[in-house]
Amino acid sequence: MLVFILILAISSERTMAQADTRVSIARIQYRGGGDWYNDPSALRNLISYSRRFLPISIKEQYDDVELGSRELHRYPFAFMTGHGIIVYNEAELENVRSWLDNGGFLYIDDDYGLDEAARVFIERLFPSEDLVEIPLSHPIYTSVFKFPEGLPKIHEHDNKAPQGFGVFREGRLVLFYTYESNLGDGWADAAAHGNPESIRERALQMGVNILTIALLGS
């Protein structure tokens, strides 16, 4: 009888695992001291908020994945942020490049101080592609919520206008990079940065648009 119960439990667990169609998303872990781990509540809050607007279900908990890990290929979307240096080798670049060329989507958010390192990383990732400013007509600004003036400004930083850049591969946007916007701070818990609720709402709405393009295409 005990053996039968154990077999039944294992079978039930396998059935549940097979039936789980929820999408998993990742946060990129990298070397160099660029505090990739800051604002751990950001992605959790974005996932929770997105559930109200996306026709697909995302697992509540994201996973931290290293640049060079083959596990990265399990995720359709990954988030990368920080304030400083990003250290990587050619094998890690090739892993990310391969993942992106096979359907992955990388969103990089400059959390102030990451810009130089992020641009060098992107250039080395795709040396034959240009990092271009995304036009306001692109679906990333209109897919679910409308942003006729582009990215919302979450933190002032250097008092520059926010900009959204991207890399296209065979016509598909595979990488989106935001500068002077800092959406991640807007996704974080309200107490983390003291942003007004209206600002946090716009940051989360822009996050929904990014996930829509990443997971459903344009």
N, C-alpha and C. Protein backbone atom coordinates (compact mmCIF):
# COMPACT_ATOMS: atom_id res chain seq x y z
N MET A 1 0.84 -1.21 0.00
CA MET A 1 0.00 0.00 0.00
C MET A 1 0.87 1.26 0.00
N LEU A 2 1.93 1.25 0.82
CA LEU A 2 2.82 2.41 0.89
C LEU A 2 3.50 2.64 -0.45
N VAL A 3 3.92 1.54 -1.10
CA VAL A 3 4.57 1.65 -2.41
C VAL A 3 3.61 2.27 -3.41
N PHE A 4 2.35 1.84 -3.38
CA PHE A 4 1.32 2.37 -4.28
C PHE A 4 1.14 3.87 -4.08
N ILE A 5 1.12 4.30 -2.82
CA ILE A 5 0.94 5.72 -2.51
C ILE A 5 2.13 6.54 -3.03
N LEU A 6 3.35 6.00 -2.84
CA LEU A 6 4.54 6.70 -3.32
C LEU A 6 4.52 6.82 -4.84
N ILE A 7 4.15 5.76 -5.53
CA ILE A 7 4.06 5.80 -6.99
C ILE A 7 3.02 6.81 -7.44
N LEU A 8 1.91 6.84 -6.75
CA LEU A 8 0.84 7.78 -7.08
C LEU A 8 1.30 9.21 -6.88
N ALA A 9 2.05 9.47 -5.80
CA ALA A 9 2.54 10.82 -5.50
C ALA A 9 3.54 11.27 -6.56
N ILE A 10 4.46 10.36 -6.92
CA ILE A 10 5.45 10.70 -7.94
C ILE A 10 4.77 10.97 -9.28
N SER A 11 3.81 10.13 -9.63
CA SER A 11 3.07 10.31 -10.89
C SER A 11 2.33 11.63 -10.91
N SER A 12 1.73 11.99 -9.75
CA SER A 12 1.00 13.25 -9.65
C SER A 12 1.92 14.44 -9.83
N GLU A 13 3.12 14.37 -9.21
CA GLU A 13 4.09 15.45 -9.33
C GLU A 13 4.55 15.61 -10.78
N ARG A 14 4.79 14.51 -11.46
CA ARG A 14 5.21 14.57 -12.86
C ARG A 14 4.12 15.17 -13.73
N THR A 15 2.87 14.79 -13.46
CA THR A 15 1.76 15.33 -14.23
C THR A 15 1.64 16.83 -14.05
N MET A 16 1.81 17.28 -12.80
CA MET A 16 1.73 18.71 -12.52
C MET A 16 2.87 19.46 -13.20
N ALA A 17 4.07 18.86 -13.18
CA ALA A 17 5.22 19.49 -13.81
C ALA A 17 5.01 19.62 -15.31
N GLN A 18 4.46 18.54 -15.92
CA GLN A 18 4.21 18.56 -17.35
C GLN A 18 3.13 19.58 -17.72
N ALA A 19 2.20 19.79 -16.81
CA ALA A 19 1.08 20.70 -17.09
C ALA A 19 1.44 22.16 -16.83
N ASP A 20 2.59 22.42 -16.23
CA ASP A 20 3.00 23.78 -15.90
C ASP A 20 3.50 24.48 -17.16
N THR A 21 2.69 25.35 -17.70
CA THR A 21 3.05 26.06 -18.93
C THR A 21 3.49 27.49 -18.65
N ARG A 22 3.71 27.83 -17.39
CA ARG A 22 4.12 29.18 -17.06
C ARG A 22 5.52 29.48 -17.59
N VAL A 23 5.72 30.72 -17.99
CA VAL A 23 7.00 31.16 -18.53
C VAL A 23 7.92 31.58 -17.38
N SER A 24 9.18 31.20 -17.46
CA SER A 24 10.18 31.64 -16.48
C SER A 24 11.02 32.76 -17.08
N ILE A 25 11.35 33.75 -16.27
CA ILE A 25 12.24 34.81 -16.75
C ILE A 25 13.43 34.91 -15.81
N ALA A 26 14.50 35.56 -16.30
CA ALA A 26 15.77 35.54 -15.58
C ALA A 26 16.32 36.94 -15.34
N ARG A 27 17.18 37.03 -14.33
CA ARG A 27 17.99 38.21 -14.11
C ARG A 27 19.45 37.80 -14.32
N ILE A 28 20.17 38.62 -15.09
CA ILE A 28 21.54 38.29 -15.45
C ILE A 28 22.51 38.58 -14.30
N GLN A 29 23.30 37.57 -13.98
CA GLN A 29 24.36 37.70 -12.99
C GLN A 29 25.70 37.79 -13.73
N TYR A 30 26.46 38.84 -13.44
CA TYR A 30 27.74 39.02 -14.13
C TYR A 30 28.83 39.41 -13.14
N ARG A 31 30.08 39.30 -13.58
CA ARG A 31 31.22 39.65 -12.75
C ARG A 31 31.62 41.12 -13.00
N GLY A 32 32.35 41.70 -12.06
CA GLY A 32 32.87 43.04 -12.28
C GLY A 32 32.47 44.07 -11.24
N GLY A 33 31.58 43.73 -10.35
CA GLY A 33 31.21 44.68 -9.30
C GLY A 33 30.13 45.65 -9.69
N GLY A 34 29.40 45.35 -10.76
CA GLY A 34 28.33 46.24 -11.21
C GLY A 34 27.02 46.05 -10.50
N ASP A 35 27.02 45.50 -9.32
CA ASP A 35 25.85 45.21 -8.47
C ASP A 35 24.61 44.80 -9.27
N TRP A 36 24.76 43.70 -10.00
CA TRP A 36 23.66 43.13 -10.79
C TRP A 36 22.47 42.76 -9.91
N TYR A 37 22.70 42.61 -8.62
CA TYR A 37 21.72 42.08 -7.67
C TYR A 37 20.85 43.17 -7.03
N ASN A 38 21.06 44.43 -7.39
CA ASN A 38 20.33 45.49 -6.68
C ASN A 38 18.83 45.45 -7.00
N ASP A 39 18.05 46.01 -6.08
CA ASP A 39 16.58 46.06 -6.21
C ASP A 39 15.97 44.69 -6.53
N PRO A 40 16.13 43.71 -5.66
CA PRO A 40 15.60 42.37 -5.93
C PRO A 40 14.08 42.33 -6.06
N SER A 41 13.40 43.36 -5.56
CA SER A 41 11.93 43.38 -5.67
C SER A 41 11.45 43.81 -7.05
N ALA A 42 12.33 44.38 -7.86
CA ALA A 42 11.90 44.98 -9.13
C ALA A 42 11.21 43.98 -10.06
N LEU A 43 11.89 42.91 -10.39
CA LEU A 43 11.31 41.94 -11.32
C LEU A 43 10.08 41.24 -10.73
N ARG A 44 10.12 40.98 -9.42
CA ARG A 44 8.96 40.35 -8.77
C ARG A 44 7.72 41.23 -8.95
N ASN A 45 7.88 42.52 -8.72
CA ASN A 45 6.74 43.43 -8.85
C ASN A 45 6.28 43.55 -10.29
N LEU A 46 7.23 43.55 -11.22
CA LEU A 46 6.83 43.62 -12.63
C LEU A 46 6.05 42.37 -13.04
N ILE A 47 6.52 41.21 -12.60
CA ILE A 47 5.81 39.97 -12.91
C ILE A 47 4.39 40.02 -12.37
N SER A 48 4.25 40.43 -11.12
CA SER A 48 2.93 40.51 -10.49
C SER A 48 2.01 41.47 -11.24
N TYR A 49 2.55 42.62 -11.61
CA TYR A 49 1.76 43.62 -12.32
C TYR A 49 1.37 43.12 -13.72
N SER A 50 2.30 42.45 -14.39
CA SER A 50 2.08 42.02 -15.77
C SER A 50 0.99 40.97 -15.88
N ARG A 51 0.76 40.23 -14.82
CA ARG A 51 -0.25 39.17 -14.85
C ARG A 51 -1.64 39.69 -15.21
N ARG A 52 -1.87 40.96 -14.97
CA ARG A 52 -3.19 41.55 -15.26
C ARG A 52 -3.36 41.89 -16.72
N PHE A 53 -2.27 41.89 -17.48
CA PHE A 53 -2.34 42.40 -18.85
C PHE A 53 -1.83 41.46 -19.93
N LEU A 54 -1.03 40.47 -19.57
CA LEU A 54 -0.49 39.56 -20.57
C LEU A 54 -1.33 38.30 -20.68
N PRO A 55 -1.51 37.78 -21.89
CA PRO A 55 -2.30 36.56 -22.08
C PRO A 55 -1.54 35.29 -21.76
N ILE A 56 -0.31 35.42 -21.27
CA ILE A 56 0.46 34.26 -20.85
C ILE A 56 0.83 34.42 -19.37
N SER A 57 1.04 33.30 -18.72
CA SER A 57 1.35 33.33 -17.29
C SER A 57 2.86 33.23 -17.08
N ILE A 58 3.37 34.09 -16.18
CA ILE A 58 4.78 34.10 -15.85
C ILE A 58 4.95 33.60 -14.41
N LYS A 59 5.93 32.76 -14.19
CA LYS A 59 6.19 32.28 -12.83
C LYS A 59 6.50 33.46 -11.91
N GLU A 60 6.00 33.37 -10.68
CA GLU A 60 6.14 34.48 -9.74
C GLU A 60 7.60 34.80 -9.41
N GLN A 61 8.44 33.79 -9.35
CA GLN A 61 9.83 33.99 -8.95
C GLN A 61 10.75 33.90 -10.16
N TYR A 62 11.56 34.92 -10.35
CA TYR A 62 12.55 34.89 -11.43
C TYR A 62 13.79 34.14 -10.93
N ASP A 63 14.67 33.81 -11.86
CA ASP A 63 15.90 33.09 -11.52
C ASP A 63 17.12 33.95 -11.88
N ASP A 64 18.16 33.86 -11.06
CA ASP A 64 19.42 34.51 -11.38
C ASP A 64 20.26 33.55 -12.22
N VAL A 65 20.72 34.03 -13.37
CA VAL A 65 21.44 33.19 -14.32
C VAL A 65 22.73 33.88 -14.74
N GLU A 66 23.84 33.16 -14.70
CA GLU A 66 25.12 33.73 -15.09
C GLU A 66 25.22 33.88 -16.60
N LEU A 67 26.00 34.86 -17.03
CA LEU A 67 26.17 35.14 -18.46
C LEU A 67 26.56 33.91 -19.26
N GLY A 68 27.44 33.11 -18.70
CA GLY A 68 27.96 31.97 -19.45
C GLY A 68 27.22 30.68 -19.25
N SER A 69 26.14 30.69 -18.48
CA SER A 69 25.42 29.45 -18.18
C SER A 69 24.53 29.03 -19.35
N ARG A 70 24.56 27.73 -19.66
CA ARG A 70 23.66 27.19 -20.69
C ARG A 70 22.21 27.25 -20.23
N GLU A 71 22.00 27.41 -18.93
CA GLU A 71 20.65 27.54 -18.40
C GLU A 71 19.94 28.75 -18.99
N LEU A 72 20.70 29.73 -19.42
CA LEU A 72 20.11 30.95 -20.00
C LEU A 72 19.17 30.60 -21.15
N HIS A 73 19.48 29.55 -21.88
CA HIS A 73 18.69 29.18 -23.05
C HIS A 73 17.30 28.66 -22.69
N ARG A 74 17.03 28.48 -21.42
CA ARG A 74 15.69 28.05 -20.98
C ARG A 74 14.73 29.23 -20.86
N TYR A 75 15.26 30.45 -20.93
CA TYR A 75 14.45 31.62 -20.64
C TYR A 75 14.24 32.48 -21.89
N PRO A 76 13.00 32.90 -22.15
CA PRO A 76 12.76 33.77 -23.30
C PRO A 76 13.11 35.24 -23.04
N PHE A 77 13.26 35.60 -21.77
CA PHE A 77 13.51 37.00 -21.40
C PHE A 77 14.48 37.05 -20.22
N ALA A 78 15.42 38.00 -20.31
CA ALA A 78 16.33 38.22 -19.19
C ALA A 78 16.55 39.71 -18.98
N PHE A 79 16.72 40.08 -17.73
CA PHE A 79 16.88 41.47 -17.31
C PHE A 79 18.29 41.66 -16.77
N MET A 80 18.91 42.76 -17.16
CA MET A 80 20.29 43.05 -16.73
C MET A 80 20.36 44.51 -16.29
N THR A 81 20.97 44.75 -15.13
CA THR A 81 21.04 46.12 -14.63
C THR A 81 22.28 46.27 -13.74
N GLY A 82 22.46 47.44 -13.17
CA GLY A 82 23.58 47.69 -12.28
C GLY A 82 24.09 49.12 -12.42
N HIS A 83 25.20 49.41 -11.73
CA HIS A 83 25.74 50.76 -11.69
C HIS A 83 27.17 50.89 -12.21
N GLY A 84 27.83 49.78 -12.52
CA GLY A 84 29.26 49.92 -12.80
C GLY A 84 29.81 49.05 -13.90
N ILE A 85 30.76 48.20 -13.56
CA ILE A 85 31.53 47.45 -14.54
C ILE A 85 30.90 46.08 -14.81
N ILE A 86 30.99 45.66 -16.06
CA ILE A 86 30.56 44.32 -16.46
C ILE A 86 31.80 43.59 -16.99
N VAL A 87 32.13 42.46 -16.39
CA VAL A 87 33.28 41.67 -16.82
C VAL A 87 32.77 40.39 -17.46
N TYR A 88 33.35 40.00 -18.60
CA TYR A 88 32.90 38.82 -19.33
C TYR A 88 34.04 38.36 -20.23
N ASN A 89 33.91 37.15 -20.72
CA ASN A 89 34.88 36.62 -21.68
C ASN A 89 34.17 36.26 -22.98
N GLU A 90 34.93 35.79 -23.95
CA GLU A 90 34.35 35.51 -25.26
C GLU A 90 33.34 34.37 -25.19
N ALA A 91 33.59 33.38 -24.33
CA ALA A 91 32.65 32.27 -24.21
C ALA A 91 31.30 32.75 -23.68
N GLU A 92 31.33 33.69 -22.74
CA GLU A 92 30.08 34.24 -22.20
C GLU A 92 29.35 35.07 -23.26
N LEU A 93 30.10 35.84 -24.03
CA LEU A 93 29.50 36.60 -25.12
C LEU A 93 28.84 35.67 -26.13
N GLU A 94 29.53 34.61 -26.48
CA GLU A 94 28.98 33.66 -27.46
C GLU A 94 27.73 32.99 -26.93
N ASN A 95 27.70 32.71 -25.64
CA ASN A 95 26.51 32.10 -25.05
C ASN A 95 25.31 33.03 -25.15
N VAL A 96 25.51 34.30 -24.81
CA VAL A 96 24.42 35.28 -24.88
C VAL A 96 24.01 35.51 -26.34
N ARG A 97 24.99 35.61 -27.22
CA ARG A 97 24.72 35.84 -28.65
C ARG A 97 23.88 34.70 -29.23
N SER A 98 24.28 33.48 -28.92
CA SER A 98 23.56 32.30 -29.40
C SER A 98 22.13 32.28 -28.86
N TRP A 99 21.99 32.60 -27.58
CA TRP A 99 20.66 32.64 -26.95
C TRP A 99 19.76 33.66 -27.64
N LEU A 100 20.29 34.84 -27.89
CA LEU A 100 19.50 35.89 -28.55
C LEU A 100 19.13 35.50 -29.97
N ASP A 101 20.07 34.91 -30.69
CA ASP A 101 19.80 34.51 -32.08
C ASP A 101 18.83 33.35 -32.17
N ASN A 102 18.60 32.69 -31.06
CA ASN A 102 17.66 31.57 -31.05
C ASN A 102 16.37 31.89 -30.31
N GLY A 103 16.04 33.18 -30.25
CA GLY A 103 14.73 33.57 -29.72
C GLY A 103 14.73 34.30 -28.40
N GLY A 104 15.89 34.43 -27.75
CA GLY A 104 15.93 35.14 -26.47
C GLY A 104 15.80 36.64 -26.63
N PHE A 105 15.53 37.31 -25.53
CA PHE A 105 15.38 38.77 -25.52
C PHE A 105 16.06 39.29 -24.26
N LEU A 106 16.97 40.25 -24.43
CA LEU A 106 17.69 40.84 -23.30
C LEU A 106 17.29 42.29 -23.12
N TYR A 107 16.86 42.63 -21.91
CA TYR A 107 16.58 44.02 -21.56
C TYR A 107 17.63 44.51 -20.57
N ILE A 108 18.35 45.57 -20.94
CA ILE A 108 19.37 46.17 -20.07
C ILE A 108 18.89 47.55 -19.63
N ASP A 109 18.90 47.78 -18.34
CA ASP A 109 18.47 49.06 -17.78
C ASP A 109 19.64 49.72 -17.07
N ASP A 110 20.05 50.88 -17.55
CA ASP A 110 21.12 51.63 -16.89
C ASP A 110 20.59 52.19 -15.58
N ASP A 111 21.13 51.67 -14.48
CA ASP A 111 20.69 52.12 -13.16
C ASP A 111 21.60 53.25 -12.66
N TYR A 112 22.19 53.95 -13.61
CA TYR A 112 23.10 55.08 -13.41
C TYR A 112 24.52 54.61 -13.14
N GLY A 113 25.38 54.84 -14.12
CA GLY A 113 26.76 54.43 -14.01
C GLY A 113 27.09 53.18 -14.82
N LEU A 114 26.08 52.58 -15.45
CA LEU A 114 26.29 51.37 -16.24
C LEU A 114 26.47 51.67 -17.72
N ASP A 115 26.20 52.89 -18.13
CA ASP A 115 26.10 53.22 -19.56
C ASP A 115 27.34 52.83 -20.35
N GLU A 116 28.50 53.26 -19.92
CA GLU A 116 29.72 52.97 -20.69
C GLU A 116 29.95 51.47 -20.81
N ALA A 117 29.84 50.76 -19.70
CA ALA A 117 30.06 49.32 -19.70
C ALA A 117 29.01 48.61 -20.55
N ALA A 118 27.76 49.07 -20.47
CA ALA A 118 26.68 48.44 -21.22
C ALA A 118 26.90 48.59 -22.72
N ARG A 119 27.31 49.77 -23.15
CA ARG A 119 27.51 50.01 -24.59
C ARG A 119 28.68 49.19 -25.13
N VAL A 120 29.73 49.07 -24.35
CA VAL A 120 30.87 48.25 -24.78
C VAL A 120 30.45 46.78 -24.86
N PHE A 121 29.69 46.32 -23.87
CA PHE A 121 29.19 44.95 -23.86
C PHE A 121 28.35 44.68 -25.10
N ILE A 122 27.45 45.58 -25.42
CA ILE A 122 26.58 45.41 -26.59
C ILE A 122 27.39 45.41 -27.88
N GLU A 123 28.37 46.30 -27.97
CA GLU A 123 29.20 46.38 -29.17
C GLU A 123 30.00 45.08 -29.37
N ARG A 124 30.51 44.53 -28.29
CA ARG A 124 31.26 43.28 -28.39
C ARG A 124 30.33 42.10 -28.64
N LEU A 125 29.11 42.20 -28.16
CA LEU A 125 28.13 41.14 -28.36
C LEU A 125 27.76 41.03 -29.84
N PHE A 126 27.52 42.19 -30.45
CA PHE A 126 27.15 42.23 -31.86
C PHE A 126 27.98 43.28 -32.60
N PRO A 127 29.24 42.99 -32.89
CA PRO A 127 30.12 43.98 -33.50
C PRO A 127 29.68 44.43 -34.89
N SER A 128 28.89 43.61 -35.57
CA SER A 128 28.45 43.96 -36.93
C SER A 128 27.08 44.63 -36.96
N GLU A 129 26.48 44.83 -35.80
CA GLU A 129 25.16 45.46 -35.72
C GLU A 129 25.27 46.81 -35.01
N ASP A 130 24.39 47.72 -35.38
CA ASP A 130 24.36 49.04 -34.74
C ASP A 130 23.38 49.04 -33.58
N LEU A 131 23.75 49.73 -32.53
CA LEU A 131 22.82 50.02 -31.44
C LEU A 131 22.07 51.28 -31.85
N VAL A 132 20.80 51.14 -32.19
CA VAL A 132 20.04 52.25 -32.77
C VAL A 132 18.97 52.74 -31.80
N GLU A 133 18.66 54.01 -31.88
CA GLU A 133 17.57 54.53 -31.05
C GLU A 133 16.24 54.04 -31.63
N ILE A 134 15.40 53.53 -30.77
CA ILE A 134 14.13 52.95 -31.21
C ILE A 134 13.12 54.06 -31.48
N PRO A 135 12.53 54.11 -32.69
CA PRO A 135 11.56 55.17 -33.00
C PRO A 135 10.29 55.04 -32.17
N LEU A 136 9.64 56.16 -31.94
CA LEU A 136 8.43 56.17 -31.11
C LEU A 136 7.29 55.37 -31.75
N SER A 137 7.40 55.09 -33.04
CA SER A 137 6.37 54.30 -33.72
C SER A 137 6.50 52.81 -33.47
N HIS A 138 7.60 52.39 -32.84
CA HIS A 138 7.81 50.97 -32.61
C HIS A 138 6.79 50.44 -31.59
N PRO A 139 6.32 49.20 -31.77
CA PRO A 139 5.33 48.63 -30.85
C PRO A 139 5.75 48.59 -29.39
N ILE A 140 7.05 48.69 -29.11
CA ILE A 140 7.47 48.65 -27.70
C ILE A 140 6.91 49.84 -26.93
N TYR A 141 6.53 50.89 -27.66
CA TYR A 141 5.94 52.08 -27.02
C TYR A 141 4.41 52.12 -27.16
N THR A 142 3.84 51.12 -27.83
CA THR A 142 2.40 51.18 -28.08
C THR A 142 1.67 49.86 -27.88
N SER A 143 2.38 48.76 -27.60
CA SER A 143 1.77 47.43 -27.66
C SER A 143 0.60 47.24 -26.70
N VAL A 144 0.74 47.68 -25.47
CA VAL A 144 -0.35 47.59 -24.48
C VAL A 144 -0.68 48.98 -23.96
N PHE A 145 0.34 49.66 -23.46
CA PHE A 145 0.18 51.04 -22.97
C PHE A 145 0.85 52.00 -23.94
N LYS A 146 0.31 53.18 -24.05
CA LYS A 146 0.79 54.16 -25.02
C LYS A 146 1.80 55.11 -24.38
N PHE A 147 2.93 55.24 -25.04
CA PHE A 147 3.99 56.16 -24.62
C PHE A 147 4.37 57.03 -25.81
N PRO A 148 3.50 57.99 -26.17
CA PRO A 148 3.73 58.81 -27.37
C PRO A 148 5.01 59.63 -27.31
N GLU A 149 5.51 59.89 -26.10
CA GLU A 149 6.75 60.66 -25.97
C GLU A 149 7.94 59.77 -25.61
N GLY A 150 7.75 58.48 -25.67
CA GLY A 150 8.84 57.56 -25.38
C GLY A 150 8.91 57.17 -23.92
N LEU A 151 10.07 56.76 -23.49
CA LEU A 151 10.26 56.24 -22.14
C LEU A 151 9.88 57.24 -21.05
N PRO A 152 9.28 56.76 -19.98
CA PRO A 152 9.02 57.64 -18.83
C PRO A 152 10.31 57.93 -18.08
N LYS A 153 10.38 59.08 -17.48
CA LYS A 153 11.54 59.46 -16.68
C LYS A 153 11.28 59.07 -15.24
N ILE A 154 12.05 58.11 -14.72
CA ILE A 154 11.83 57.64 -13.36
C ILE A 154 12.75 58.36 -12.38
N HIS A 155 14.05 58.42 -12.69
CA HIS A 155 15.01 59.16 -11.88
C HIS A 155 15.73 60.20 -12.73
N GLU A 156 16.02 61.34 -12.12
CA GLU A 156 16.61 62.44 -12.88
C GLU A 156 18.05 62.18 -13.30
N HIS A 157 18.86 61.67 -12.40
CA HIS A 157 20.26 61.40 -12.71
C HIS A 157 20.95 62.65 -13.26
N ASP A 158 21.28 62.66 -14.57
CA ASP A 158 21.98 63.81 -15.15
C ASP A 158 21.03 64.78 -15.85
N ASN A 159 19.75 64.67 -15.55
CA ASN A 159 18.73 65.55 -16.12
C ASN A 159 18.70 65.52 -17.64
N LYS A 160 19.00 64.36 -18.20
CA LYS A 160 18.90 64.17 -19.65
C LYS A 160 17.59 63.46 -19.98
N ALA A 161 17.15 63.63 -21.22
CA ALA A 161 15.94 62.95 -21.66
C ALA A 161 16.21 61.45 -21.75
N PRO A 162 15.26 60.63 -21.33
CA PRO A 162 15.45 59.17 -21.43
C PRO A 162 15.46 58.72 -22.88
N GLN A 163 16.24 57.68 -23.15
CA GLN A 163 16.33 57.16 -24.51
C GLN A 163 16.27 55.63 -24.48
N GLY A 164 15.65 55.07 -25.50
CA GLY A 164 15.59 53.63 -25.66
C GLY A 164 16.33 53.21 -26.92
N PHE A 165 17.27 52.29 -26.77
CA PHE A 165 18.07 51.82 -27.89
C PHE A 165 17.86 50.33 -28.07
N GLY A 166 18.17 49.84 -29.27
CA GLY A 166 18.00 48.42 -29.50
C GLY A 166 18.94 47.87 -30.54
N VAL A 167 19.01 46.55 -30.56
CA VAL A 167 19.73 45.81 -31.58
C VAL A 167 18.73 44.89 -32.27
N PHE A 168 18.74 44.92 -33.60
CA PHE A 168 17.86 44.07 -34.39
C PHE A 168 18.69 42.99 -35.08
N ARG A 169 18.16 41.79 -35.10
CA ARG A 169 18.77 40.69 -35.82
C ARG A 169 17.72 40.10 -36.76
N GLU A 170 17.98 40.22 -38.06
CA GLU A 170 17.05 39.75 -39.09
C GLU A 170 15.67 40.35 -38.87
N GLY A 171 15.65 41.63 -38.53
CA GLY A 171 14.39 42.35 -38.37
C GLY A 171 13.73 42.21 -37.01
N ARG A 172 14.27 41.36 -36.14
CA ARG A 172 13.68 41.16 -34.81
C ARG A 172 14.47 41.92 -33.76
N LEU A 173 13.76 42.66 -32.92
CA LEU A 173 14.40 43.33 -31.80
C LEU A 173 14.79 42.28 -30.79
N VAL A 174 16.11 42.13 -30.54
CA VAL A 174 16.57 41.09 -29.62
C VAL A 174 17.13 41.68 -28.33
N LEU A 175 17.45 42.96 -28.36
CA LEU A 175 18.04 43.62 -27.18
C LEU A 175 17.49 45.04 -27.08
N PHE A 176 17.04 45.39 -25.90
CA PHE A 176 16.52 46.73 -25.64
C PHE A 176 17.31 47.32 -24.48
N TYR A 177 17.81 48.54 -24.69
CA TYR A 177 18.64 49.19 -23.67
C TYR A 177 18.06 50.56 -23.35
N THR A 178 17.78 50.81 -22.07
CA THR A 178 17.23 52.10 -21.67
C THR A 178 18.26 52.91 -20.90
N TYR A 179 18.35 54.18 -21.28
CA TYR A 179 19.33 55.11 -20.72
C TYR A 179 18.63 56.33 -20.16
N GLU A 180 19.02 56.75 -18.96
CA GLU A 180 18.45 57.94 -18.30
C GLU A 180 16.95 57.81 -18.01
N SER A 181 16.49 56.61 -17.88
CA SER A 181 15.09 56.36 -17.52
C SER A 181 15.01 55.65 -16.17
N ASN A 182 15.75 54.52 -16.07
CA ASN A 182 15.83 53.74 -14.83
C ASN A 182 14.49 53.10 -14.44
N LEU A 183 13.93 52.35 -15.37
CA LEU A 183 12.66 51.68 -15.12
C LEU A 183 12.73 50.75 -13.91
N GLY A 184 13.88 50.09 -13.73
CA GLY A 184 14.00 49.14 -12.63
C GLY A 184 13.73 49.75 -11.27
N ASP A 185 14.17 51.00 -11.07
CA ASP A 185 13.89 51.67 -9.80
C ASP A 185 12.39 51.90 -9.64
N GLY A 186 11.71 52.11 -10.74
CA GLY A 186 10.26 52.30 -10.68
C GLY A 186 9.51 51.01 -10.41
N TRP A 187 10.10 49.88 -10.77
CA TRP A 187 9.47 48.60 -10.50
C TRP A 187 9.66 48.18 -9.04
N ALA A 188 10.71 48.66 -8.42
CA ALA A 188 11.05 48.23 -7.06
C ALA A 188 9.96 48.64 -6.06
N ASP A 189 10.01 48.05 -4.88
CA ASP A 189 9.05 48.41 -3.83
C ASP A 189 9.04 49.92 -3.62
N ALA A 190 7.88 50.45 -3.28
CA ALA A 190 7.71 51.90 -3.13
C ALA A 190 8.70 52.49 -2.14
N ALA A 191 9.00 51.75 -1.09
CA ALA A 191 9.89 52.28 -0.05
C ALA A 191 11.35 52.32 -0.48
N ALA A 192 11.69 51.61 -1.55
CA ALA A 192 13.10 51.50 -1.96
C ALA A 192 13.67 52.82 -2.44
N HIS A 193 12.88 53.58 -3.21
CA HIS A 193 13.39 54.82 -3.79
C HIS A 193 12.48 56.03 -3.59
N GLY A 194 11.33 55.80 -2.98
CA GLY A 194 10.42 56.90 -2.69
C GLY A 194 9.75 57.50 -3.91
N ASN A 195 9.64 56.73 -4.99
CA ASN A 195 8.97 57.25 -6.18
C ASN A 195 7.46 57.38 -5.96
N PRO A 196 6.85 58.45 -6.47
CA PRO A 196 5.39 58.58 -6.38
C PRO A 196 4.70 57.41 -7.08
N GLU A 197 3.51 57.09 -6.64
CA GLU A 197 2.80 55.95 -7.20
C GLU A 197 2.55 56.12 -8.70
N SER A 198 2.29 57.35 -9.14
CA SER A 198 2.04 57.59 -10.56
C SER A 198 3.28 57.28 -11.41
N ILE A 199 4.46 57.57 -10.88
CA ILE A 199 5.71 57.29 -11.58
C ILE A 199 5.95 55.78 -11.62
N ARG A 200 5.73 55.10 -10.51
CA ARG A 200 5.89 53.65 -10.46
C ARG A 200 4.93 52.98 -11.44
N GLU A 201 3.73 53.50 -11.52
CA GLU A 201 2.74 52.93 -12.44
C GLU A 201 3.21 53.01 -13.88
N ARG A 202 3.77 54.14 -14.28
CA ARG A 202 4.23 54.30 -15.66
C ARG A 202 5.44 53.39 -15.92
N ALA A 203 6.30 53.25 -14.93
CA ALA A 203 7.44 52.34 -15.09
C ALA A 203 6.97 50.90 -15.30
N LEU A 204 6.00 50.48 -14.51
CA LEU A 204 5.47 49.13 -14.64
C LEU A 204 4.74 48.93 -15.96
N GLN A 205 4.03 49.96 -16.40
CA GLN A 205 3.34 49.88 -17.70
C GLN A 205 4.34 49.72 -18.84
N MET A 206 5.45 50.46 -18.76
CA MET A 206 6.48 50.32 -19.79
C MET A 206 7.08 48.93 -19.72
N GLY A 207 7.22 48.40 -18.53
CA GLY A 207 7.71 47.04 -18.37
C GLY A 207 6.80 46.02 -19.02
N VAL A 208 5.50 46.22 -18.91
CA VAL A 208 4.54 45.34 -19.58
C VAL A 208 4.75 45.37 -21.08
N ASN A 209 4.96 46.55 -21.64
CA ASN A 209 5.21 46.66 -23.07
C ASN A 209 6.47 45.90 -23.48
N ILE A 210 7.52 46.01 -22.68
CA ILE A 210 8.77 45.31 -22.98
C ILE A 210 8.55 43.80 -22.96
N LEU A 211 7.87 43.31 -21.93
CA LEU A 211 7.59 41.88 -21.84
C LEU A 211 6.71 41.41 -22.99
N THR A 212 5.78 42.24 -23.42
CA THR A 212 4.91 41.89 -24.54
C THR A 212 5.73 41.66 -25.80
N ILE A 213 6.64 42.57 -26.09
CA ILE A 213 7.48 42.43 -27.27
C ILE A 213 8.41 41.22 -27.12
N ALA A 214 8.97 41.05 -25.93
CA ALA A 214 9.91 39.96 -25.70
C ALA A 214 9.24 38.59 -25.80
N LEU A 215 8.06 38.46 -25.23
CA LEU A 215 7.41 37.15 -25.13
C LEU A 215 6.43 36.85 -26.23
N LEU A 216 5.85 37.89 -26.82
CA LEU A 216 4.81 37.68 -27.84
C LEU A 216 5.22 38.19 -29.21
N GLY A 217 6.29 38.97 -29.28
CA GLY A 217 6.73 39.54 -30.55
C GLY A 217 5.95 40.80 -30.89
N SER A 218 6.38 41.45 -31.97
CA SER A 218 5.76 42.72 -32.38
C SER A 218 4.68 42.49 -33.41
